């Protein structure tokens, strides 16, 4: 930052009155008090002490402060970036299991403090292993990206999506009761099953089974996850049984 020539106007500090005013304490012929001729200062340093060396020292100090401010902002940005990376799945643009559990805990705390229940939906893909075995792991990764994109595109900003492991996903539906959550879960599954994705010019689809667990006061995050997982597994087994009967 450059320090320009000193003047008695602008953003400077002034102290004292002019010599004439101190000697006479008189007023002008028009009756106005004589304008004071104050001493100027920069950063609290009086004008009389602003020697060339002092000005150079101030310039250096101001430059260092500016650099420290920029470095602080850079580090804050880096911290935010690392926090985001720590919360997101390594492959998909959704929360990882640890961060998703934190969202479940937040929803449970909301239910505990304000009696405002939310709901947890647990999803497991159908046909994912077949895609992996038939078309390769790249196709499997494409299927996971496809499902993650569909889930995030069809929930509210206040909701949360996470990958719980392998081909399993979780969705926290905030301020949503059981009936609304089950209807939303079925809607999400229908979207997944009826929206194909393309891999190497081939159109592919996956299905999903879901389980729902209300997030109400008195529950723990891991307990709610286990109950939603159990509900999903029961539905998945029922789907397999129904499919077997149809094929028999």
C-alpha atoms as a PDB file:
ATOM      1  CA  UNK A   1       0.000   0.000   0.000  1.00  0.00           C
ATOM      2  CA  UNK A   2       1.433   3.376  -0.989  1.00  0.00           C
ATOM      3  CA  UNK A   3       1.541   6.280   1.487  1.00  0.00           C
ATOM      4  CA  UNK A   4       0.973   9.574  -0.320  1.00  0.00           C
ATOM      5  CA  UNK A   5       1.936  13.100   0.668  1.00  0.00           C
ATOM      6  CA  UNK A   6       0.610  14.249   3.998  1.00  0.00           C
ATOM      7  CA  UNK A   7      -2.214  16.759   4.167  1.00  0.00           C
ATOM      8  CA  UNK A   8      -4.546  18.121   6.790  1.00  0.00           C
ATOM      9  CA  UNK A   9      -7.709  16.851   5.049  1.00  0.00           C
ATOM     10  CA  UNK A  10      -9.156  13.395   4.569  1.00  0.00           C
ATOM     11  CA  UNK A  11      -8.852  10.484   6.960  1.00  0.00           C
ATOM     12  CA  UNK A  12      -6.286  11.842   9.393  1.00  0.00           C
ATOM     13  CA  UNK A  13      -6.346  12.469  13.132  1.00  0.00           C
ATOM     14  CA  UNK A  14      -6.033  16.081  14.334  1.00  0.00           C
ATOM     15  CA  UNK A  15      -5.268  17.453  17.766  1.00  0.00           C
ATOM     16  CA  UNK A  16      -4.948  20.884  19.272  1.00  0.00           C
ATOM     17  CA  UNK A  17      -5.705  24.406  18.017  1.00  0.00           C
ATOM     18  CA  UNK A  18      -3.698  26.830  15.870  1.00  0.00           C
ATOM     19  CA  UNK A  19      -1.042  29.035  17.458  1.00  0.00           C
ATOM     20  CA  UNK A  20      -3.182  32.102  16.834  1.00  0.00           C
ATOM     21  CA  UNK A  21      -6.172  30.613  18.564  1.00  0.00           C
ATOM     22  CA  UNK A  22      -4.050  29.555  21.559  1.00  0.00           C
ATOM     23  CA  UNK A  23      -2.459  32.982  21.932  1.00  0.00           C
ATOM     24  CA  UNK A  24      -5.548  35.171  21.570  1.00  0.00           C
ATOM     25  CA  UNK A  25      -8.550  32.878  21.928  1.00  0.00           C
ATOM     26  CA  UNK A  26     -10.219  35.505  19.706  1.00  0.00           C
ATOM     27  CA  UNK A  27     -12.751  35.194  16.950  1.00  0.00           C
ATOM     28  CA  UNK A  28     -12.702  36.548  13.445  1.00  0.00           C
ATOM     29  CA  UNK A  29     -14.375  39.816  12.428  1.00  0.00           C
ATOM     30  CA  UNK A  30     -17.363  37.734  11.237  1.00  0.00           C
ATOM     31  CA  UNK A  31     -17.619  36.230  14.717  1.00  0.00           C
ATOM     32  CA  UNK A  32     -16.545  32.691  13.686  1.00  0.00           C
ATOM     33  CA  UNK A  33     -13.972  30.752  15.651  1.00  0.00           C
ATOM     34  CA  UNK A  34     -10.641  30.571  13.836  1.00  0.00           C
ATOM     35  CA  UNK A  35     -10.190  27.260  11.931  1.00  0.00           C
ATOM     36  CA  UNK A  36      -7.719  25.044  13.834  1.00  0.00           C
ATOM     37  CA  UNK A  37      -4.464  24.005  12.197  1.00  0.00           C
ATOM     38  CA  UNK A  38      -4.152  20.523  13.644  1.00  0.00           C
ATOM     39  CA  UNK A  39      -1.271  18.066  13.571  1.00  0.00           C
ATOM     40  CA  UNK A  40      -1.819  15.090  11.216  1.00  0.00           C
ATOM     41  CA  UNK A  41      -1.114  11.437  12.001  1.00  0.00           C
ATOM     42  CA  UNK A  42      -1.139   8.105  10.129  1.00  0.00           C
ATOM     43  CA  UNK A  43      -1.887   4.894  12.027  1.00  0.00           C
ATOM     44  CA  UNK A  44      -1.556   6.925  15.224  1.00  0.00           C
ATOM     45  CA  UNK A  45       1.931   8.200  14.393  1.00  0.00           C
ATOM     46  CA  UNK A  46       2.124  12.034  14.623  1.00  0.00           C
ATOM     47  CA  UNK A  47       3.201  13.949  11.555  1.00  0.00           C
ATOM     48  CA  UNK A  48       6.359  15.112  13.237  1.00  0.00           C
ATOM     49  CA  UNK A  49       7.517  11.498  13.673  1.00  0.00           C
ATOM     50  CA  UNK A  50       6.758  10.380  10.105  1.00  0.00           C
ATOM     51  CA  UNK A  51      10.334  10.346   8.951  1.00  0.00           C
ATOM     52  CA  UNK A  52      11.258   8.477   5.763  1.00  0.00           C
ATOM     53  CA  UNK A  53      12.383   5.482   7.830  1.00  0.00           C
ATOM     54  CA  UNK A  54       9.121   5.408   9.750  1.00  0.00           C
ATOM     55  CA  UNK A  55       7.143   5.634   6.524  1.00  0.00           C
ATOM     56  CA  UNK A  56       9.096   2.710   5.053  1.00  0.00           C
ATOM     57  CA  UNK A  57       8.482   0.673   8.226  1.00  0.00           C
ATOM     58  CA  UNK A  58       4.769   1.434   8.085  1.00  0.00           C
ATOM     59  CA  UNK A  59       4.631   0.487   4.421  1.00  0.00           C
ATOM     60  CA  UNK A  60       6.329  -2.837   5.178  1.00  0.00           C
ATOM     61  CA  UNK A  61       4.012  -3.518   8.124  1.00  0.00           C
ATOM     62  CA  UNK A  62       0.881  -2.760   6.107  1.00  0.00           C
ATOM     63  CA  UNK A  63       2.101  -5.078   3.346  1.00  0.00           C
ATOM     64  CA  UNK A  64       2.664  -7.897   5.840  1.00  0.00           C
ATOM     65  CA  UNK A  65      -0.806  -7.414   7.337  1.00  0.00           C
ATOM     66  CA  UNK A  66      -2.334  -7.581   3.857  1.00  0.00           C
ATOM     67  CA  UNK A  67      -0.452 -10.805   3.086  1.00  0.00           C
ATOM     68  CA  UNK A  68      -1.543 -12.352   6.394  1.00  0.00           C
ATOM     69  CA  UNK A  69      -5.153 -11.456   5.630  1.00  0.00           C
ATOM     70  CA  UNK A  70      -4.941 -13.125   2.212  1.00  0.00           C
ATOM     71  CA  UNK A  71      -3.264 -16.221   3.661  1.00  0.00           C
ATOM     72  CA  UNK A  72      -5.950 -16.477   6.352  1.00  0.00           C
ATOM     73  CA  UNK A  73      -8.707 -16.395   3.723  1.00  0.00           C
ATOM     74  CA  UNK A  74      -6.886 -19.035   1.667  1.00  0.00           C
ATOM     75  CA  UNK A  75      -6.564 -21.327   4.688  1.00  0.00           C
ATOM     76  CA  UNK A  76     -10.221 -20.855   5.605  1.00  0.00           C
ATOM     77  CA  UNK A  77     -11.190 -21.838   2.085  1.00  0.00           C
ATOM     78  CA  UNK A  78      -8.965 -24.901   2.287  1.00  0.00           C
ATOM     79  CA  UNK A  79     -10.518 -25.928   5.603  1.00  0.00           C
ATOM     80  CA  UNK A  80     -14.011 -25.668   4.081  1.00  0.00           C
ATOM     81  CA  UNK A  81     -12.848 -27.764   1.114  1.00  0.00           C
ATOM     82  CA  UNK A  82     -11.358 -30.459   3.361  1.00  0.00           C
ATOM     83  CA  UNK A  83     -14.489 -30.540   5.520  1.00  0.00           C
ATOM     84  CA  UNK A  84     -16.572 -31.088   2.391  1.00  0.00           C
ATOM     85  CA  UNK A  85     -14.275 -33.882   1.195  1.00  0.00           C
ATOM     86  CA  UNK A  86     -14.400 -35.541   4.603  1.00  0.00           C
ATOM     87  CA  UNK A  87     -18.210 -35.599   4.509  1.00  0.00           C
ATOM     88  CA  UNK A  88     -18.705 -36.872   0.951  1.00  0.00           C
ATOM     89  CA  UNK A  89     -18.518 -40.320  -0.533  1.00  0.00           C
ATOM     90  CA  UNK A  90     -15.264 -41.127  -2.316  1.00  0.00           C
ATOM     91  CA  UNK A  91     -17.086 -42.025  -5.544  1.00  0.00           C
ATOM     92  CA  UNK A  92     -20.453 -40.262  -5.527  1.00  0.00           C
ATOM     93  CA  UNK A  93     -21.624 -36.669  -4.971  1.00  0.00           C
ATOM     94  CA  UNK A  94     -23.567 -37.626  -1.826  1.00  0.00           C
ATOM     95  CA  UNK A  95     -22.743 -37.876   1.874  1.00  0.00           C
ATOM     96  CA  UNK A  96     -20.681 -40.775   3.178  1.00  0.00           C
ATOM     97  CA  UNK A  97     -22.042 -42.997   5.941  1.00  0.00           C
ATOM     98  CA  UNK A  98     -20.432 -41.011   8.774  1.00  0.00           C
ATOM     99  CA  UNK A  99     -21.817 -37.691   7.584  1.00  0.00           C
ATOM    100  CA  UNK A 100     -25.217 -39.241   6.851  1.00  0.00           C
ATOM    101  CA  UNK A 101     -25.423 -40.591  10.389  1.00  0.00           C
ATOM    102  CA  UNK A 102     -24.813 -37.057  11.580  1.00  0.00           C
ATOM    103  CA  UNK A 103     -27.838 -35.912   9.557  1.00  0.00           C
ATOM    104  CA  UNK A 104     -29.919 -38.675  11.128  1.00  0.00           C
ATOM    105  CA  UNK A 105     -28.788 -37.503  14.564  1.00  0.00           C
ATOM    106  CA  UNK A 106     -29.778 -33.925  13.705  1.00  0.00           C
ATOM    107  CA  UNK A 107     -33.251 -35.067  12.688  1.00  0.00           C
ATOM    108  CA  UNK A 108     -33.586 -37.041  15.934  1.00  0.00           C
ATOM    109  CA  UNK A 109     -32.493 -34.003  17.947  1.00  0.00           C
ATOM    110  CA  UNK A 110     -35.151 -31.939  16.157  1.00  0.00           C
ATOM    111  CA  UNK A 111     -37.759 -34.522  17.124  1.00  0.00           C
ATOM    112  CA  UNK A 112     -36.519 -34.569  20.721  1.00  0.00           C
ATOM    113  CA  UNK A 113     -36.480 -30.802  21.230  1.00  0.00           C
ATOM    114  CA  UNK A 114     -39.444 -29.684  19.170  1.00  0.00           C
ATOM    115  CA  UNK A 115     -41.554 -32.835  18.766  1.00  0.00           C
ATOM    116  CA  UNK A 116     -41.040 -32.553  14.998  1.00  0.00           C
ATOM    117  CA  UNK A 117     -40.499 -36.086  13.640  1.00  0.00           C
ATOM    118  CA  UNK A 118     -38.709 -36.831  10.381  1.00  0.00           C
ATOM    119  CA  UNK A 119     -38.148 -40.147   8.568  1.00  0.00           C
ATOM    120  CA  UNK A 120     -35.318 -42.314   7.299  1.00  0.00           C
ATOM    121  CA  UNK A 121     -35.568 -44.244   4.024  1.00  0.00           C
ATOM    122  CA  UNK A 122     -33.115 -47.097   3.405  1.00  0.00           C
ATOM    123  CA  UNK A 123     -32.646 -48.143  -0.251  1.00  0.00           C
ATOM    124  CA  UNK A 124     -30.891 -51.177  -1.710  1.00  0.00           C
ATOM    125  CA  UNK A 125     -30.511 -51.570  -5.477  1.00  0.00           C
ATOM    126  CA  UNK A 126     -31.897 -54.582  -7.329  1.00  0.00           C
ATOM    127  CA  UNK A 127     -29.972 -55.919 -10.304  1.00  0.00           C
ATOM    128  CA  UNK A 128     -26.752 -54.083  -9.441  1.00  0.00           C
ATOM    129  CA  UNK A 129     -24.674 -57.271  -9.190  1.00  0.00           C
ATOM    130  CA  UNK A 130     -25.955 -58.400 -12.583  1.00  0.00           C
ATOM    131  CA  UNK A 131     -24.832 -55.137 -14.162  1.00  0.00           C
ATOM    132  CA  UNK A 132     -21.407 -55.490 -12.550  1.00  0.00           C
ATOM    133  CA  UNK A 133     -21.026 -59.121 -13.633  1.00  0.00           C
ATOM    134  CA  UNK A 134     -22.379 -58.617 -17.158  1.00  0.00           C
ATOM    135  CA  UNK A 135     -21.096 -55.182 -18.125  1.00  0.00           C
ATOM    136  CA  UNK A 136     -18.146 -54.617 -15.777  1.00  0.00           C
ATOM    137  CA  UNK A 137     -17.439 -52.414 -12.790  1.00  0.00           C
ATOM    138  CA  UNK A 138     -17.427 -49.248 -14.881  1.00  0.00           C
ATOM    139  CA  UNK A 139     -21.089 -49.917 -15.655  1.00  0.00           C
ATOM    140  CA  UNK A 140     -21.715 -50.536 -11.966  1.00  0.00           C
ATOM    141  CA  UNK A 141     -20.123 -47.180 -11.107  1.00  0.00           C
ATOM    142  CA  UNK A 142     -22.294 -45.533 -13.763  1.00  0.00           C
ATOM    143  CA  UNK A 143     -25.372 -47.118 -12.173  1.00  0.00           C
ATOM    144  CA  UNK A 144     -24.419 -45.745  -8.755  1.00  0.00           C
ATOM    145  CA  UNK A 145     -23.854 -42.257 -10.173  1.00  0.00           C
ATOM    146  CA  UNK A 146     -27.185 -42.494 -11.967  1.00  0.00           C
ATOM    147  CA  UNK A 147     -29.101 -43.420  -8.817  1.00  0.00           C
ATOM    148  CA  UNK A 148     -27.308 -40.798  -6.692  1.00  0.00           C
ATOM    149  CA  UNK A 149     -28.239 -38.153  -9.242  1.00  0.00           C
ATOM    150  CA  UNK A 150     -31.885 -39.215  -9.310  1.00  0.00           C
ATOM    151  CA  UNK A 151     -32.164 -39.196  -5.530  1.00  0.00           C
ATOM    152  CA  UNK A 152     -30.601 -35.767  -5.077  1.00  0.00           C
ATOM    153  CA  UNK A 153     -32.715 -34.335  -7.904  1.00  0.00           C
ATOM    154  CA  UNK A 154     -36.009 -35.480  -6.366  1.00  0.00           C
ATOM    155  CA  UNK A 155     -35.690 -34.425  -2.736  1.00  0.00           C
ATOM    156  CA  UNK A 156     -35.873 -31.064  -0.981  1.00  0.00           C
ATOM    157  CA  UNK A 157     -32.863 -28.965  -0.013  1.00  0.00           C
ATOM    158  CA  UNK A 158     -33.656 -29.683   3.630  1.00  0.00           C
ATOM    159  CA  UNK A 159     -33.400 -33.458   3.054  1.00  0.00           C
ATOM    160  CA  UNK A 160     -30.169 -35.457   2.832  1.00  0.00           C
ATOM    161  CA  UNK A 161     -28.854 -38.334   0.712  1.00  0.00           C
ATOM    162  CA  UNK A 162     -25.974 -40.616   1.656  1.00  0.00           C
ATOM    163  CA  UNK A 163     -24.288 -43.752   0.393  1.00  0.00           C
ATOM    164  CA  UNK A 164     -24.349 -46.289   3.189  1.00  0.00           C
ATOM    165  CA  UNK A 165     -22.104 -48.854   1.517  1.00  0.00           C
ATOM    166  CA  UNK A 166     -21.936 -50.798  -1.737  1.00  0.00           C
ATOM    167  CA  UNK A 167     -25.240 -50.266  -3.537  1.00  0.00           C
ATOM    168  CA  UNK A 168     -27.148 -49.017  -0.485  1.00  0.00           C
ATOM    169  CA  UNK A 169     -28.396 -45.453  -0.044  1.00  0.00           C
ATOM    170  CA  UNK A 170     -30.139 -43.544   2.703  1.00  0.00           C
ATOM    171  CA  UNK A 171     -32.444 -40.537   2.569  1.00  0.00           C
ATOM    172  CA  UNK A 172     -33.432 -38.337   5.505  1.00  0.00           C
ATOM    173  CA  UNK A 173     -36.807 -36.711   4.884  1.00  0.00           C
ATOM    174  CA  UNK A 174     -37.067 -33.846   7.349  1.00  0.00           C
ATOM    175  CA  UNK A 175     -40.364 -32.993   9.024  1.00  0.00           C
ATOM    176  CA  UNK A 176     -42.055 -35.900   7.265  1.00  0.00           C
ATOM    177  CA  UNK A 177     -44.343 -38.464   8.919  1.00  0.00           C
ATOM    178  CA  UNK A 178     -44.461 -42.189   8.188  1.00  0.00           C
ATOM    179  CA  UNK A 179     -47.199 -42.012   5.546  1.00  0.00           C
ATOM    180  CA  UNK A 180     -45.517 -39.194   3.655  1.00  0.00           C
ATOM    181  CA  UNK A 181     -42.130 -40.910   3.876  1.00  0.00           C
ATOM    182  CA  UNK A 182     -43.442 -44.226   2.574  1.00  0.00           C
ATOM    183  CA  UNK A 183     -45.150 -42.478  -0.319  1.00  0.00           C
ATOM    184  CA  UNK A 184     -41.932 -40.607  -1.130  1.00  0.00           C
ATOM    185  CA  UNK A 185     -39.866 -43.792  -0.897  1.00  0.00           C
ATOM    186  CA  UNK A 186     -42.149 -45.550  -3.363  1.00  0.00           C
ATOM    187  CA  UNK A 187     -41.994 -42.533  -5.675  1.00  0.00           C
ATOM    188  CA  UNK A 188     -38.168 -42.559  -5.599  1.00  0.00           C
ATOM    189  CA  UNK A 189     -38.071 -46.296  -6.371  1.00  0.00           C
ATOM    190  CA  UNK A 190     -40.441 -45.859  -9.315  1.00  0.00           C
ATOM    191  CA  UNK A 191     -38.259 -43.056 -10.672  1.00  0.00           C
ATOM    192  CA  UNK A 192     -35.170 -45.275 -10.382  1.00  0.00           C
ATOM    193  CA  UNK A 193     -36.863 -48.244 -12.082  1.00  0.00           C
ATOM    194  CA  UNK A 194     -38.341 -46.241 -14.947  1.00  0.00           C
ATOM    195  CA  UNK A 195     -35.334 -44.022 -15.719  1.00  0.00           C
ATOM    196  CA  UNK A 196     -32.639 -45.877 -17.687  1.00  0.00           C
ATOM    197  CA  UNK A 197     -29.026 -44.811 -17.971  1.00  0.00           C
ATOM    198  CA  UNK A 198     -26.646 -45.324 -20.878  1.00  0.00           C
ATOM    199  CA  UNK A 199     -23.350 -47.163 -20.709  1.00  0.00           C
ATOM    200  CA  UNK A 200     -21.366 -47.717 -23.903  1.00  0.00           C
ATOM    201  CA  UNK A 201     -24.419 -46.943 -26.021  1.00  0.00           C
ATOM    202  CA  UNK A 202     -26.490 -49.504 -24.152  1.00  0.00           C
ATOM    203  CA  UNK A 203     -29.562 -48.564 -22.133  1.00  0.00           C
ATOM    204  CA  UNK A 204     -29.559 -50.139 -18.661  1.00  0.00           C
ATOM    205  CA  UNK A 205     -31.872 -49.991 -15.639  1.00  0.00           C
ATOM    206  CA  UNK A 206     -31.767 -50.968 -11.986  1.00  0.00           C
ATOM    207  CA  UNK A 207     -34.492 -51.443  -9.414  1.00  0.00           C
ATOM    208  CA  UNK A 208     -34.570 -50.867  -5.666  1.00  0.00           C
ATOM    209  CA  UNK A 209     -36.117 -52.087  -2.442  1.00  0.00           C
ATOM    210  CA  UNK A 210     -36.843 -49.678   0.387  1.00  0.00           C
ATOM    211  CA  UNK A 211     -37.483 -49.618   4.089  1.00  0.00           C
ATOM    212  CA  UNK A 212     -38.746 -46.702   6.159  1.00  0.00           C
ATOM    213  CA  UNK A 213     -38.208 -45.776   9.804  1.00  0.00           C
ATOM    214  CA  UNK A 214     -39.740 -42.725  11.511  1.00  0.00           C
ATOM    215  CA  UNK A 215     -37.186 -40.563  13.347  1.00  0.00           C
ATOM    216  CA  UNK A 216     -38.955 -39.797  16.601  1.00  0.00           C
ATOM    217  CA  UNK A 217     -37.841 -38.803  20.085  1.00  0.00           C
ATOM    218  CA  UNK A 218     -36.113 -41.544  22.053  1.00  0.00           C
ATOM    219  CA  UNK A 219     -34.336 -43.242  19.133  1.00  0.00           C
ATOM    220  CA  UNK A 220     -30.619 -43.370  18.402  1.00  0.00           C
ATOM    221  CA  UNK A 221     -29.128 -42.891  14.927  1.00  0.00           C
ATOM    222  CA  UNK A 222     -27.613 -46.388  14.618  1.00  0.00           C
ATOM    223  CA  UNK A 223     -30.801 -47.944  15.981  1.00  0.00           C
ATOM    224  CA  UNK A 224     -32.924 -46.118  13.418  1.00  0.00           C
ATOM    225  CA  UNK A 225     -30.553 -47.198  10.636  1.00  0.00           C
ATOM    226  CA  UNK A 226     -30.772 -50.839  11.714  1.00  0.00           C
ATOM    227  CA  UNK A 227     -34.580 -50.735  11.814  1.00  0.00           C
ATOM    228  CA  UNK A 228     -34.814 -49.100   8.381  1.00  0.00           C
ATOM    229  CA  UNK A 229     -32.340 -51.680   7.022  1.00  0.00           C
ATOM    230  CA  UNK A 230     -34.440 -54.514   8.460  1.00  0.00           C
ATOM    231  CA  UNK A 231     -37.588 -53.082   6.887  1.00  0.00           C
ATOM    232  CA  UNK A 232     -35.799 -52.823   3.547  1.00  0.00           C
ATOM    233  CA  UNK A 233     -34.526 -56.415   3.770  1.00  0.00           C
ATOM    234  CA  UNK A 234     -38.014 -57.724   4.542  1.00  0.00           C
ATOM    235  CA  UNK A 235     -39.413 -55.896   1.522  1.00  0.00           C
ATOM    236  CA  UNK A 236     -36.569 -57.184  -0.669  1.00  0.00           C
ATOM    237  CA  UNK A 237     -37.252 -60.773   0.404  1.00  0.00           C
ATOM    238  CA  UNK A 238     -40.958 -60.290  -0.330  1.00  0.00           C
ATOM    239  CA  UNK A 239     -40.088 -59.021  -3.811  1.00  0.00           C
ATOM    240  CA  UNK A 240     -37.897 -62.086  -4.454  1.00  0.00           C
ATOM    241  CA  UNK A 241     -40.653 -64.424  -3.270  1.00  0.00           C
ATOM    242  CA  UNK A 242     -43.201 -62.723  -5.517  1.00  0.00           C
ATOM    243  CA  UNK A 243     -40.834 -62.952  -8.489  1.00  0.00           C
ATOM    244  CA  UNK A 244     -40.170 -66.664  -7.848  1.00  0.00           C
ATOM    245  CA  UNK A 245     -43.891 -67.410  -7.732  1.00  0.00           C
ATOM    246  CA  UNK A 246     -44.458 -65.624 -11.002  1.00  0.00           C
ATOM    247  CA  UNK A 247     -41.711 -67.623 -12.689  1.00  0.00           C
ATOM    248  CA  UNK A 248     -42.963 -70.965 -11.301  1.00  0.00           C
END
